[in-house]
Amino acid sequence: MFPEYRELITRLKTSDTHFGRLFEQHNSLDQKIKNMESRIETGTHEAIELLKKEKLLLKDQLYTILRKADTAS
């Protein structure tokens, strides 16, 4: 996710608790979705779609923070 911001992501994960929390939530949702799609965990198609929408909202929030931090640097 966002390879152009790899270094900034690494820095923000340790220096910005809000960013770090959002990043972890995104990764957790991503893993849950993968597990549900692989049938490791149970989940309906609707539940998976709902999680994907939630993950996308988190990604948008992360991107907004990254852009602001990048322009501030």
C-alpha atoms as a PDB file:
ATOM      1  CA  MET A   1       0.000   0.000   0.000  1.00  0.00           C
ATOM      2  CA  PHE A   2       1.397   3.377  -1.104  1.00  0.00           C
ATOM      3  CA  PRO A   3       4.923   2.264  -2.073  1.00  0.00           C
ATOM      4  CA  GLU A   4       5.856   5.881  -2.837  1.00  0.00           C
ATOM      5  CA  TYR A   5       5.360   6.667   0.864  1.00  0.00           C
ATOM      6  CA  ARG A   6       7.182   3.636   2.307  1.00  0.00           C
ATOM      7  CA  GLU A   7       9.693   5.653   4.331  1.00  0.00           C
ATOM      8  CA  LEU A   8       7.082   8.131   5.527  1.00  0.00           C
ATOM      9  CA  ILE A   9       4.779   5.275   6.595  1.00  0.00           C
ATOM     10  CA  THR A  10       7.593   3.717   8.621  1.00  0.00           C
ATOM     11  CA  ARG A  11       8.264   7.046  10.326  1.00  0.00           C
ATOM     12  CA  LEU A  12       4.598   7.847  11.012  1.00  0.00           C
ATOM     13  CA  LYS A  13       3.846   4.401  12.450  1.00  0.00           C
ATOM     14  CA  THR A  14       6.200   5.180  15.307  1.00  0.00           C
ATOM     15  CA  SER A  15       5.740   8.940  15.668  1.00  0.00           C
ATOM     16  CA  ASP A  16       1.977   9.374  15.118  1.00  0.00           C
ATOM     17  CA  THR A  17      -0.197   7.176  17.340  1.00  0.00           C
ATOM     18  CA  HIS A  18      -3.369   7.977  15.376  1.00  0.00           C
ATOM     19  CA  PHE A  19      -1.709   6.983  12.097  1.00  0.00           C
ATOM     20  CA  GLY A  20      -0.269   3.844  13.693  1.00  0.00           C
ATOM     21  CA  ARG A  21      -3.677   2.818  15.010  1.00  0.00           C
ATOM     22  CA  LEU A  22      -5.351   3.375  11.619  1.00  0.00           C
ATOM     23  CA  PHE A  23      -2.575   1.451   9.892  1.00  0.00           C
ATOM     24  CA  GLU A  24      -2.990  -1.512  12.234  1.00  0.00           C
ATOM     25  CA  GLN A  25      -6.783  -1.472  11.811  1.00  0.00           C
ATOM     26  CA  HIS A  26      -6.339  -1.474   8.026  1.00  0.00           C
ATOM     27  CA  ASN A  27      -3.937  -4.414   8.151  1.00  0.00           C
ATOM     28  CA  SER A  28      -6.198  -6.318  10.538  1.00  0.00           C
ATOM     29  CA  LEU A  29      -9.212  -5.833   8.270  1.00  0.00           C
ATOM     30  CA  ASP A  30      -7.152  -6.857   5.249  1.00  0.00           C
ATOM     31  CA  GLN A  31      -6.169 -10.116   6.942  1.00  0.00           C
ATOM     32  CA  LYS A  32      -9.735 -10.791   8.089  1.00  0.00           C
ATOM     33  CA  ILE A  33     -11.040 -10.261   4.547  1.00  0.00           C
ATOM     34  CA  LYS A  34      -8.391 -12.606   3.121  1.00  0.00           C
ATOM     35  CA  ASN A  35      -9.267 -15.241   5.726  1.00  0.00           C
ATOM     36  CA  MET A  36     -12.973 -14.954   4.944  1.00  0.00           C
ATOM     37  CA  GLU A  37     -12.389 -15.136   1.197  1.00  0.00           C
ATOM     38  CA  SER A  38     -10.182 -18.204   1.706  1.00  0.00           C
ATOM     39  CA  ARG A  39     -12.826 -19.709   3.981  1.00  0.00           C
ATOM     40  CA  ILE A  40     -10.413 -19.854   6.910  1.00  0.00           C
ATOM     41  CA  GLU A  41     -13.004 -17.727   8.724  1.00  0.00           C
ATOM     42  CA  THR A  42     -16.713 -17.813   8.040  1.00  0.00           C
ATOM     43  CA  GLY A  43     -18.371 -14.807   6.491  1.00  0.00           C
ATOM     44  CA  THR A  44     -21.108 -13.965   4.067  1.00  0.00           C
ATOM     45  CA  HIS A  45     -20.525 -12.109   0.840  1.00  0.00           C
ATOM     46  CA  GLU A  46     -22.313  -9.131   2.386  1.00  0.00           C
ATOM     47  CA  ALA A  47     -20.075  -9.188   5.468  1.00  0.00           C
ATOM     48  CA  ILE A  48     -16.962  -9.279   3.285  1.00  0.00           C
ATOM     49  CA  GLU A  49     -18.205  -6.356   1.209  1.00  0.00           C
ATOM     50  CA  LEU A  50     -18.922  -4.355   4.347  1.00  0.00           C
ATOM     51  CA  LEU A  51     -15.401  -5.004   5.643  1.00  0.00           C
ATOM     52  CA  LYS A  52     -13.945  -3.977   2.282  1.00  0.00           C
ATOM     53  CA  LYS A  53     -15.794  -0.658   2.472  1.00  0.00           C
ATOM     54  CA  GLU A  54     -14.521  -0.094   6.001  1.00  0.00           C
ATOM     55  CA  LYS A  55     -10.979  -0.908   4.858  1.00  0.00           C
ATOM     56  CA  LEU A  56     -11.283   1.550   1.978  1.00  0.00           C
ATOM     57  CA  LEU A  57     -12.361   4.319   4.368  1.00  0.00           C
ATOM     58  CA  LEU A  58      -9.295   3.617   6.504  1.00  0.00           C
ATOM     59  CA  LYS A  59      -7.091   3.681   3.410  1.00  0.00           C
ATOM     60  CA  ASP A  60      -8.517   7.075   2.449  1.00  0.00           C
ATOM     61  CA  GLN A  61      -7.787   8.408   5.937  1.00  0.00           C
ATOM     62  CA  LEU A  62      -4.245   7.060   5.820  1.00  0.00           C
ATOM     63  CA  TYR A  63      -3.657   8.623   2.405  1.00  0.00           C
ATOM     64  CA  THR A  64      -4.903  11.994   3.621  1.00  0.00           C
ATOM     65  CA  ILE A  65      -2.482  11.889   6.561  1.00  0.00           C
ATOM     66  CA  LEU A  66       0.375  10.812   4.283  1.00  0.00           C
ATOM     67  CA  ARG A  67      -0.237  13.642   1.830  1.00  0.00           C
ATOM     68  CA  LYS A  68      -0.377  16.229   4.613  1.00  0.00           C
ATOM     69  CA  ALA A  69       2.798  14.891   6.217  1.00  0.00           C
ATOM     70  CA  ASP A  70       4.575  14.765   2.848  1.00  0.00           C
ATOM     71  CA  THR A  71       3.793  18.396   2.034  1.00  0.00           C
ATOM     72  CA  ALA A  72       4.827  19.450   5.541  1.00  0.00           C
ATOM     73  CA  SER A  73       8.260  17.818   5.150  1.00  0.00           C
END
